[in-house]
Amino acid sequence: MENLKIWLRKNGSTAVLTVLFIIILVNKDAKAWLMRQVASTGILNSSISEPKETRNNAAKVSYAGLMLKNEDGKIIDASALQNKVVFINFWASWCPPCRAEFPSVQKLYDRYKNNPDVVFLTVNLDDTPALGKSYLKEKGFTIPFLTPAGNIPDVLYSGSLPTTVVLDKKGEIRLHHKGLADYSKDSFYKQIDQLLKQNP
């Protein structure tokens, strides 16, 4: 026991770092916190691209065939997305990068939720939707809770979580980002505002 005390006195910082490392490895929220710190630096930011000159039907109206349902079981009609800026986020409660970026998604939602020209489709991909619901409730998030009601078009989602897609008013993909990003930056808000100013 005495040897342990001596070792801890000499190597206290190593012991503390080892304990922190183990916590980060084991705890999803600790991982999410660390990832959020990295995302807040701006190095993981994604940005909205210019519209493509050659508009093919796959990139335009890319939400065709996307069927979602809300908590009440009501199917979201894709035709209601026409002439709107659409923010789509695919996530799961077990995914640390999803947890890391969720506060920024919530801030974006809070900023634009009352704008009739912006639609938020935050799609939970937990095997058991109740896990996603309880995560939102536990953390106090108020974003829409949606689940797939059919196959998700590959052009929107190909298996990586989180995946975020932004469609302009013409239905064209202007952002397709796989992985963690911070959507609560002024620079991203300005890009959304620019999309809102464009005519369908």
C-alpha atoms as a PDB file:
ATOM      1  CA  MET A   1       0.000   0.000   0.000  1.00  0.00           C
ATOM      2  CA  GLU A   2       2.864   2.332   0.854  1.00  0.00           C
ATOM      3  CA  ASN A   3       4.431   1.653  -2.550  1.00  0.00           C
ATOM      4  CA  LEU A   4       1.146   2.629  -4.248  1.00  0.00           C
ATOM      5  CA  LYS A   5       1.055   5.937  -2.344  1.00  0.00           C
ATOM      6  CA  ILE A   6       4.629   6.697  -3.365  1.00  0.00           C
ATOM      7  CA  TRP A   7       3.883   5.812  -6.988  1.00  0.00           C
ATOM      8  CA  LEU A   8       0.757   8.004  -6.985  1.00  0.00           C
ATOM      9  CA  ARG A   9       2.717  10.911  -5.508  1.00  0.00           C
ATOM     10  CA  LYS A  10       5.324  10.620  -8.242  1.00  0.00           C
ATOM     11  CA  ASN A  11       2.900   9.847 -11.062  1.00  0.00           C
ATOM     12  CA  GLY A  12      -0.290  11.662 -10.037  1.00  0.00           C
ATOM     13  CA  SER A  13      -0.834  13.374 -13.362  1.00  0.00           C
ATOM     14  CA  THR A  14      -0.380  10.090 -15.242  1.00  0.00           C
ATOM     15  CA  ALA A  15      -2.952   8.412 -12.973  1.00  0.00           C
ATOM     16  CA  VAL A  16      -5.450  11.242 -13.476  1.00  0.00           C
ATOM     17  CA  LEU A  17      -4.997  11.176 -17.250  1.00  0.00           C
ATOM     18  CA  THR A  18      -5.397   7.384 -17.284  1.00  0.00           C
ATOM     19  CA  VAL A  19      -8.665   7.617 -15.341  1.00  0.00           C
ATOM     20  CA  LEU A  20      -9.950  10.373 -17.668  1.00  0.00           C
ATOM     21  CA  PHE A  21      -8.990   8.300 -20.721  1.00  0.00           C
ATOM     22  CA  ILE A  22     -10.887   5.278 -19.365  1.00  0.00           C
ATOM     23  CA  ILE A  23     -13.964   7.441 -18.644  1.00  0.00           C
ATOM     24  CA  ILE A  24     -13.884   8.831 -22.192  1.00  0.00           C
ATOM     25  CA  LEU A  25     -13.580   5.321 -23.632  1.00  0.00           C
ATOM     26  CA  VAL A  26     -16.495   3.987 -21.607  1.00  0.00           C
ATOM     27  CA  ASN A  27     -18.933   6.906 -21.278  1.00  0.00           C
ATOM     28  CA  LYS A  28     -20.870   8.023 -24.421  1.00  0.00           C
ATOM     29  CA  ASP A  29     -21.554  11.489 -23.011  1.00  0.00           C
ATOM     30  CA  ALA A  30     -17.877  11.988 -22.143  1.00  0.00           C
ATOM     31  CA  LYS A  31     -16.933  11.036 -25.717  1.00  0.00           C
ATOM     32  CA  ALA A  32     -19.588  13.402 -27.031  1.00  0.00           C
ATOM     33  CA  TRP A  33     -18.266  16.231 -24.828  1.00  0.00           C
ATOM     34  CA  LEU A  34     -14.720  15.728 -26.134  1.00  0.00           C
ATOM     35  CA  MET A  35     -15.933  15.622 -29.749  1.00  0.00           C
ATOM     36  CA  ARG A  36     -18.011  18.766 -29.163  1.00  0.00           C
ATOM     37  CA  GLN A  37     -14.868  20.578 -27.968  1.00  0.00           C
ATOM     38  CA  VAL A  38     -13.077  19.581 -31.181  1.00  0.00           C
ATOM     39  CA  ALA A  39     -16.086  20.610 -33.317  1.00  0.00           C
ATOM     40  CA  SER A  40     -16.279  23.997 -31.604  1.00  0.00           C
ATOM     41  CA  THR A  41     -12.849  24.867 -32.998  1.00  0.00           C
ATOM     42  CA  GLY A  42     -14.402  25.005 -36.461  1.00  0.00           C
ATOM     43  CA  ILE A  43     -12.093  22.430 -38.065  1.00  0.00           C
ATOM     44  CA  LEU A  44     -15.007  20.054 -38.670  1.00  0.00           C
ATOM     45  CA  ASN A  45     -17.400  22.652 -40.073  1.00  0.00           C
ATOM     46  CA  SER A  46     -19.261  21.836 -43.235  1.00  0.00           C
ATOM     47  CA  SER A  47     -20.481  24.400 -45.693  1.00  0.00           C
ATOM     48  CA  ILE A  48     -23.248  24.675 -48.221  1.00  0.00           C
ATOM     49  CA  SER A  49     -22.087  24.326 -51.811  1.00  0.00           C
ATOM     50  CA  GLU A  50     -23.074  26.280 -54.884  1.00  0.00           C
ATOM     51  CA  PRO A  51     -25.821  24.728 -57.026  1.00  0.00           C
ATOM     52  CA  LYS A  52     -24.531  22.410 -59.728  1.00  0.00           C
ATOM     53  CA  GLU A  53     -24.719  23.680 -63.299  1.00  0.00           C
ATOM     54  CA  THR A  54     -25.876  20.327 -64.590  1.00  0.00           C
ATOM     55  CA  ARG A  55     -28.912  19.487 -62.524  1.00  0.00           C
ATOM     56  CA  ASN A  56     -29.801  15.851 -62.779  1.00  0.00           C
ATOM     57  CA  ASN A  57     -32.970  14.450 -61.312  1.00  0.00           C
ATOM     58  CA  ALA A  58     -31.072  12.458 -58.674  1.00  0.00           C
ATOM     59  CA  ALA A  59     -29.663  15.631 -57.107  1.00  0.00           C
ATOM     60  CA  LYS A  60     -32.850  17.622 -57.597  1.00  0.00           C
ATOM     61  CA  VAL A  61     -35.936  16.362 -55.760  1.00  0.00           C
ATOM     62  CA  SER A  62     -33.609  14.048 -53.828  1.00  0.00           C
ATOM     63  CA  TYR A  63     -36.207  13.568 -51.129  1.00  0.00           C
ATOM     64  CA  ALA A  64     -38.507  11.712 -53.537  1.00  0.00           C
ATOM     65  CA  GLY A  65     -39.323   8.398 -51.921  1.00  0.00           C
ATOM     66  CA  LEU A  66     -38.361   9.567 -48.434  1.00  0.00           C
ATOM     67  CA  MET A  67     -41.147   8.455 -46.138  1.00  0.00           C
ATOM     68  CA  LEU A  68     -40.989   9.408 -42.453  1.00  0.00           C
ATOM     69  CA  LYS A  69     -43.383   9.224 -39.544  1.00  0.00           C
ATOM     70  CA  ASN A  70     -43.638  11.407 -36.469  1.00  0.00           C
ATOM     71  CA  GLU A  71     -44.225  10.343 -32.858  1.00  0.00           C
ATOM     72  CA  ASP A  72     -47.974  10.112 -33.466  1.00  0.00           C
ATOM     73  CA  GLY A  73     -47.425   7.713 -36.381  1.00  0.00           C
ATOM     74  CA  LYS A  74     -48.416  10.360 -38.957  1.00  0.00           C
ATOM     75  CA  ILE A  75     -46.584   9.977 -42.279  1.00  0.00           C
ATOM     76  CA  ILE A  76     -44.619  13.031 -43.435  1.00  0.00           C
ATOM     77  CA  ASP A  77     -45.606  13.857 -47.011  1.00  0.00           C
ATOM     78  CA  ALA A  78     -42.535  14.642 -49.120  1.00  0.00           C
ATOM     79  CA  SER A  79     -44.568  16.968 -51.350  1.00  0.00           C
ATOM     80  CA  ALA A  80     -44.855  19.342 -48.367  1.00  0.00           C
ATOM     81  CA  LEU A  81     -41.104  19.936 -48.662  1.00  0.00           C
ATOM     82  CA  GLN A  82     -41.337  21.680 -52.015  1.00  0.00           C
ATOM     83  CA  ASN A  83     -40.220  25.332 -52.078  1.00  0.00           C
ATOM     84  CA  LYS A  84     -38.641  25.022 -48.615  1.00  0.00           C
ATOM     85  CA  VAL A  85     -35.106  24.780 -47.265  1.00  0.00           C
ATOM     86  CA  VAL A  86     -34.860  21.305 -45.735  1.00  0.00           C
ATOM     87  CA  PHE A  87     -32.386  20.328 -42.997  1.00  0.00           C
ATOM     88  CA  ILE A  88     -32.155  16.529 -42.674  1.00  0.00           C
ATOM     89  CA  ASN A  89     -30.124  14.899 -39.907  1.00  0.00           C
ATOM     90  CA  PHE A  90     -29.802  11.118 -39.517  1.00  0.00           C
ATOM     91  CA  TRP A  91     -28.794  10.170 -35.962  1.00  0.00           C
ATOM     92  CA  ALA A  92     -28.944   7.525 -33.232  1.00  0.00           C
ATOM     93  CA  SER A  93     -28.761   7.789 -29.448  1.00  0.00           C
ATOM     94  CA  TRP A  94     -25.872   5.291 -29.191  1.00  0.00           C
ATOM     95  CA  CYS A  95     -23.682   7.323 -31.595  1.00  0.00           C
ATOM     96  CA  PRO A  96     -21.145   9.599 -29.772  1.00  0.00           C
ATOM     97  CA  PRO A  97     -20.627  11.955 -32.781  1.00  0.00           C
ATOM     98  CA  CYS A  98     -24.426  12.348 -33.016  1.00  0.00           C
ATOM     99  CA  ARG A  99     -24.559  13.218 -29.318  1.00  0.00           C
ATOM    100  CA  ALA A 100     -21.677  15.641 -29.804  1.00  0.00           C
ATOM    101  CA  GLU A 101     -23.352  17.624 -32.576  1.00  0.00           C
ATOM    102  CA  PHE A 102     -26.901  17.506 -31.180  1.00  0.00           C
ATOM    103  CA  PRO A 103     -26.654  20.711 -29.108  1.00  0.00           C
ATOM    104  CA  SER A 104     -25.710  22.592 -32.299  1.00  0.00           C
ATOM    105  CA  VAL A 105     -28.625  20.990 -34.198  1.00  0.00           C
ATOM    106  CA  GLN A 106     -30.950  22.071 -31.371  1.00  0.00           C
ATOM    107  CA  LYS A 107     -29.620  25.660 -31.556  1.00  0.00           C
ATOM    108  CA  LEU A 108     -30.169  25.688 -35.326  1.00  0.00           C
ATOM    109  CA  TYR A 109     -33.693  24.344 -34.814  1.00  0.00           C
ATOM    110  CA  ASP A 110     -34.432  26.974 -32.136  1.00  0.00           C
ATOM    111  CA  ARG A 111     -33.302  29.702 -34.508  1.00  0.00           C
ATOM    112  CA  TYR A 112     -35.423  28.620 -37.502  1.00  0.00           C
ATOM    113  CA  LYS A 113     -38.298  26.559 -36.071  1.00  0.00           C
ATOM    114  CA  ASN A 114     -40.798  29.409 -36.528  1.00  0.00           C
ATOM    115  CA  ASN A 115     -39.740  30.093 -40.123  1.00  0.00           C
ATOM    116  CA  PRO A 116     -42.360  28.502 -42.417  1.00  0.00           C
ATOM    117  CA  ASP A 117     -39.754  28.163 -45.194  1.00  0.00           C
ATOM    118  CA  VAL A 118     -37.471  25.840 -43.191  1.00  0.00           C
ATOM    119  CA  VAL A 119     -38.262  22.179 -42.498  1.00  0.00           C
ATOM    120  CA  PHE A 120     -36.348  20.044 -39.989  1.00  0.00           C
ATOM    121  CA  LEU A 121     -36.268  16.296 -40.543  1.00  0.00           C
ATOM    122  CA  THR A 122     -34.275  14.827 -37.678  1.00  0.00           C
ATOM    123  CA  VAL A 123     -34.457  11.110 -38.361  1.00  0.00           C
ATOM    124  CA  ASN A 124     -33.743   8.662 -35.540  1.00  0.00           C
ATOM    125  CA  LEU A 125     -32.162   5.374 -36.630  1.00  0.00           C
ATOM    126  CA  ASP A 126     -32.047   3.550 -33.288  1.00  0.00           C
ATOM    127  CA  ASP A 127     -33.159  -0.100 -33.596  1.00  0.00           C
ATOM    128  CA  THR A 128     -35.599   0.688 -30.792  1.00  0.00           C
ATOM    129  CA  PRO A 129     -37.129   4.170 -31.271  1.00  0.00           C
ATOM    130  CA  ALA A 130     -37.906   4.392 -27.537  1.00  0.00           C
ATOM    131  CA  LEU A 131     -34.145   4.764 -26.910  1.00  0.00           C
ATOM    132  CA  GLY A 132     -34.010   7.820 -29.162  1.00  0.00           C
ATOM    133  CA  LYS A 133     -37.103   9.335 -27.551  1.00  0.00           C
ATOM    134  CA  SER A 134     -35.761   8.860 -24.036  1.00  0.00           C
ATOM    135  CA  TYR A 135     -32.397  10.386 -25.057  1.00  0.00           C
ATOM    136  CA  LEU A 136     -34.134  13.550 -26.340  1.00  0.00           C
ATOM    137  CA  LYS A 137     -36.249  13.779 -23.192  1.00  0.00           C
ATOM    138  CA  GLU A 138     -33.284  13.170 -20.870  1.00  0.00           C
ATOM    139  CA  LYS A 139     -31.236  15.929 -22.543  1.00  0.00           C
ATOM    140  CA  GLY A 140     -34.154  18.364 -22.966  1.00  0.00           C
ATOM    141  CA  PHE A 141     -33.949  18.484 -26.784  1.00  0.00           C
ATOM    142  CA  THR A 142     -37.111  19.601 -28.583  1.00  0.00           C
ATOM    143  CA  ILE A 143     -36.242  18.816 -32.201  1.00  0.00           C
ATOM    144  CA  PRO A 144     -38.817  16.776 -34.161  1.00  0.00           C
ATOM    145  CA  PHE A 145     -38.549  13.037 -33.500  1.00  0.00           C
ATOM    146  CA  LEU A 146     -38.995  11.198 -36.790  1.00  0.00           C
ATOM    147  CA  THR A 147     -38.376   7.611 -37.843  1.00  0.00           C
ATOM    148  CA  PRO A 148     -38.208   6.029 -41.304  1.00  0.00           C
ATOM    149  CA  ALA A 149     -41.504   4.728 -42.699  1.00  0.00           C
ATOM    150  CA  GLY A 150     -39.812   3.036 -45.652  1.00  0.00           C
ATOM    151  CA  ASN A 151     -36.444   2.857 -47.372  1.00  0.00           C
ATOM    152  CA  ILE A 152     -34.246   5.945 -47.246  1.00  0.00           C
ATOM    153  CA  PRO A 153     -32.956   6.991 -50.699  1.00  0.00           C
ATOM    154  CA  ASP A 154     -29.205   6.257 -51.027  1.00  0.00           C
ATOM    155  CA  VAL A 155     -28.601   9.775 -52.319  1.00  0.00           C
ATOM    156  CA  LEU A 156     -29.531  11.037 -48.814  1.00  0.00           C
ATOM    157  CA  TYR A 157     -28.132   8.356 -46.500  1.00  0.00           C
ATOM    158  CA  SER A 158     -25.663   5.543 -47.103  1.00  0.00           C
ATOM    159  CA  GLY A 159     -24.991   4.222 -43.601  1.00  0.00           C
ATOM    160  CA  SER A 160     -22.720   6.748 -41.821  1.00  0.00           C
ATOM    161  CA  LEU A 161     -23.941   8.402 -38.627  1.00  0.00           C
ATOM    162  CA  PRO A 162     -24.431  11.239 -38.255  1.00  0.00           C
ATOM    163  CA  THR A 163     -25.270  12.306 -41.801  1.00  0.00           C
ATOM    164  CA  THR A 164     -26.641  15.776 -42.511  1.00  0.00           C
ATOM    165  CA  VAL A 165     -28.211  16.912 -45.769  1.00  0.00           C
ATOM    166  CA  VAL A 166     -29.480  20.393 -46.671  1.00  0.00           C
ATOM    167  CA  LEU A 167     -31.795  20.828 -49.648  1.00  0.00           C
ATOM    168  CA  ASP A 168     -32.508  24.174 -51.251  1.00  0.00           C
ATOM    169  CA  LYS A 169     -35.976  25.349 -52.293  1.00  0.00           C
ATOM    170  CA  LYS A 170     -35.602  23.552 -55.624  1.00  0.00           C
ATOM    171  CA  GLY A 171     -34.947  20.257 -53.869  1.00  0.00           C
ATOM    172  CA  GLU A 172     -31.269  20.214 -54.799  1.00  0.00           C
ATOM    173  CA  ILE A 173     -28.697  18.873 -52.350  1.00  0.00           C
ATOM    174  CA  ARG A 174     -26.545  21.798 -51.245  1.00  0.00           C
ATOM    175  CA  LEU A 175     -24.860  20.057 -48.307  1.00  0.00           C
ATOM    176  CA  HIS A 176     -24.170  16.367 -47.756  1.00  0.00           C
ATOM    177  CA  HIS A 177     -21.970  15.894 -44.707  1.00  0.00           C
ATOM    178  CA  LYS A 178     -21.030  12.580 -43.095  1.00  0.00           C
ATOM    179  CA  GLY A 179     -19.750  12.855 -39.544  1.00  0.00           C
ATOM    180  CA  LEU A 180     -19.686  15.428 -36.793  1.00  0.00           C
ATOM    181  CA  ALA A 181     -20.106  19.148 -37.482  1.00  0.00           C
ATOM    182  CA  ASP A 182     -21.141  22.278 -35.596  1.00  0.00           C
ATOM    183  CA  TYR A 183     -24.341  23.793 -37.024  1.00  0.00           C
ATOM    184  CA  SER A 184     -24.577  26.604 -34.457  1.00  0.00           C
ATOM    185  CA  LYS A 185     -22.016  28.915 -36.061  1.00  0.00           C
ATOM    186  CA  ASP A 186     -22.983  32.327 -37.460  1.00  0.00           C
ATOM    187  CA  SER A 187     -21.308  31.354 -40.737  1.00  0.00           C
ATOM    188  CA  PHE A 188     -23.724  28.424 -41.130  1.00  0.00           C
ATOM    189  CA  TYR A 189     -26.736  30.599 -40.238  1.00  0.00           C
ATOM    190  CA  LYS A 190     -25.691  33.032 -42.976  1.00  0.00           C
ATOM    191  CA  GLN A 191     -25.605  30.180 -45.489  1.00  0.00           C
ATOM    192  CA  ILE A 192     -29.111  29.072 -44.489  1.00  0.00           C
ATOM    193  CA  ASP A 193     -30.282  32.704 -44.772  1.00  0.00           C
ATOM    194  CA  GLN A 194     -28.838  32.846 -48.294  1.00  0.00           C
ATOM    195  CA  LEU A 195     -30.784  29.734 -49.276  1.00  0.00           C
ATOM    196  CA  LEU A 196     -33.950  31.284 -47.842  1.00  0.00           C
ATOM    197  CA  LYS A 197     -33.507  34.379 -50.048  1.00  0.00           C
ATOM    198  CA  GLN A 198     -33.349  32.307 -53.231  1.00  0.00           C
ATOM    199  CA  ASN A 199     -36.426  31.819 -55.363  1.00  0.00           C
ATOM    200  CA  PRO A 200     -37.663  28.259 -55.914  1.00  0.00           C
END
